[in-house]
Amino acid sequence: MPNETERILIVIDKALLDRVDRLAGSQDRGEFITDAVAKKVAQERLLQVALKAAGALADVDVPDWETPESTVEWVGALRRESDEGMLRDWERARTETLPSGQETTKDHDPARRPPGAKPPD
């Protein structure tokens, strides 16, 4: 079922409307403004949810979240751990041996080759 639309009358600053018209290009002015309003509504809803959730963990004892600095270090450690794990996985996949004894690489293994890429000669 298609979305219902409603025609409205709005008052908008002429200079702003000129910028909208320049940005919209071949796109319909109404579609451009509708998209902008939809993005603003989504942003405001997200802000409301964030404000509602703010402080939800204030009374929860979470190790390494005692101060903003310790939280930053905790997040950094998680990221480093994740990066190291990805590097280990990449290295293991890169040097994996096929049953034929051939080592796999991104270029030689069809499963690791980007879609549409041709095998090397």
Protein backbone atom coordinates (compact mmCIF):
# COMPACT_ATOMS: atom_id res chain seq x y z
CA MET A 1 0.00 0.00 0.00
CA PRO A 2 1.59 3.32 -1.05
CA ASN A 3 2.30 5.98 1.56
CA GLU A 4 -0.32 8.64 1.83
CA THR A 5 0.86 12.15 1.13
CA GLU A 6 -0.54 15.46 2.18
CA ARG A 7 0.02 18.86 0.63
CA ILE A 8 1.11 21.51 3.14
CA LEU A 9 1.98 25.17 2.92
CA ILE A 10 5.26 26.18 4.54
CA VAL A 11 7.06 29.49 4.74
CA ILE A 12 10.78 29.24 4.04
CA ASP A 13 13.55 31.80 3.77
CA LYS A 14 14.19 32.70 0.10
CA ALA A 15 17.97 32.28 0.38
CA LEU A 16 17.51 28.83 1.91
CA LEU A 17 15.06 27.85 -0.84
CA ASP A 18 17.58 29.00 -3.47
CA ARG A 19 20.22 26.74 -1.89
CA VAL A 20 17.75 23.84 -1.84
CA ASP A 21 17.03 24.37 -5.53
CA ARG A 22 20.77 24.41 -6.34
CA LEU A 23 21.41 21.24 -4.32
CA ALA A 24 18.36 19.34 -5.52
CA GLY A 25 19.46 19.54 -9.13
CA SER A 26 17.16 17.34 -11.17
CA GLN A 27 15.53 16.07 -7.98
CA ASP A 28 12.12 17.50 -7.17
CA ARG A 29 12.24 20.26 -4.54
CA GLY A 30 9.45 18.57 -2.58
CA GLU A 31 11.28 15.24 -2.55
CA PHE A 32 14.47 16.96 -1.37
CA ILE A 33 12.66 18.73 1.47
CA THR A 34 10.78 15.55 2.40
CA ASP A 35 14.08 13.62 2.61
CA ALA A 36 15.62 16.38 4.74
CA VAL A 37 12.66 16.38 7.14
CA ALA A 38 12.73 12.57 7.38
CA LYS A 39 16.43 12.67 8.32
CA LYS A 40 15.81 15.36 10.92
CA VAL A 41 12.93 13.37 12.43
CA ALA A 42 15.14 10.25 12.65
CA GLN A 43 17.91 12.30 14.27
CA GLU A 44 15.52 13.75 16.85
CA ARG A 45 14.10 10.29 17.66
CA LEU A 46 17.62 8.97 18.19
CA LEU A 47 18.42 11.92 20.46
CA GLN A 48 15.28 11.23 22.51
CA VAL A 49 16.26 7.57 22.93
CA ALA A 50 19.82 8.54 23.91
CA LEU A 51 18.57 11.05 26.47
CA LYS A 52 16.16 8.48 27.89
CA ALA A 53 18.99 5.93 28.20
CA ALA A 54 21.47 8.44 29.63
CA GLY A 55 22.56 7.41 33.10
CA ALA A 56 21.04 3.93 32.83
CA LEU A 57 24.34 2.41 33.96
CA ALA A 58 25.07 5.02 36.64
CA ASP A 59 24.39 2.59 39.49
CA VAL A 60 26.02 -0.42 37.81
CA ASP A 61 29.57 -1.34 38.72
CA VAL A 62 31.36 -1.90 35.42
CA PRO A 63 35.08 -2.60 35.67
CA ASP A 64 37.25 -0.10 33.78
CA TRP A 65 34.42 2.46 33.51
CA GLU A 66 35.29 4.35 36.68
CA THR A 67 36.56 7.44 34.86
CA PRO A 68 36.35 8.76 31.30
CA GLU A 69 40.08 8.03 30.91
CA SER A 70 39.75 4.41 32.06
CA THR A 71 36.77 3.95 29.73
CA VAL A 72 38.80 5.29 26.79
CA GLU A 73 41.60 2.86 27.63
CA TRP A 74 39.11 -0.02 27.92
CA VAL A 75 37.63 0.75 24.49
CA GLY A 76 41.14 1.08 23.02
CA ALA A 77 42.14 -2.31 24.44
CA LEU A 78 39.03 -3.93 22.92
CA ARG A 79 39.83 -2.40 19.54
CA ARG A 80 43.47 -3.53 19.69
CA GLU A 81 42.36 -7.04 20.64
CA SER A 82 39.90 -7.11 17.75
CA ASP A 83 42.52 -5.82 15.29
CA GLU A 84 45.04 -8.42 16.44
CA GLY A 85 42.45 -11.18 16.06
CA MET A 86 41.63 -10.07 12.54
CA LEU A 87 45.32 -9.99 11.64
CA ARG A 88 45.78 -13.51 13.03
CA ASP A 89 42.75 -14.75 11.07
CA TRP A 90 44.01 -13.05 7.92
CA GLU A 91 47.49 -14.55 8.29
CA ARG A 92 46.07 -18.02 8.98
CA ALA A 93 43.75 -17.81 5.95
CA ARG A 94 46.57 -16.47 3.77
CA THR A 95 48.92 -19.34 4.58
CA GLU A 96 46.36 -22.15 4.82
CA THR A 97 47.40 -25.22 2.83
CA LEU A 98 45.00 -26.86 0.41
CA PRO A 99 44.83 -30.68 0.13
CA SER A 100 46.87 -30.46 -3.09
CA GLY A 101 49.68 -28.81 -1.13
CA GLN A 102 49.10 -25.43 -2.79
CA GLU A 103 49.04 -22.50 -0.39
CA THR A 104 46.04 -20.24 -0.67
CA THR A 105 46.18 -16.52 -1.27
CA LYS A 106 43.49 -14.00 -1.96
CA ASP A 107 44.37 -14.11 -5.67
CA HIS A 108 44.65 -17.88 -6.09
CA ASP A 109 41.75 -19.07 -3.95
CA PRO A 110 38.41 -18.49 -5.74
CA ALA A 111 36.63 -18.29 -2.37
CA ARG A 112 38.83 -15.33 -1.42
CA ARG A 113 38.87 -13.63 -4.82
CA PRO A 114 36.67 -10.53 -5.17
CA PRO A 115 33.55 -11.10 -7.28
CA GLY A 116 34.30 -10.73 -10.97
CA ALA A 117 38.08 -10.87 -10.51
CA LYS A 118 39.99 -13.10 -12.91
CA PRO A 119 42.43 -15.72 -11.59
CA PRO A 120 46.12 -14.90 -12.02
CA ASP A 121 48.02 -16.43 -14.95
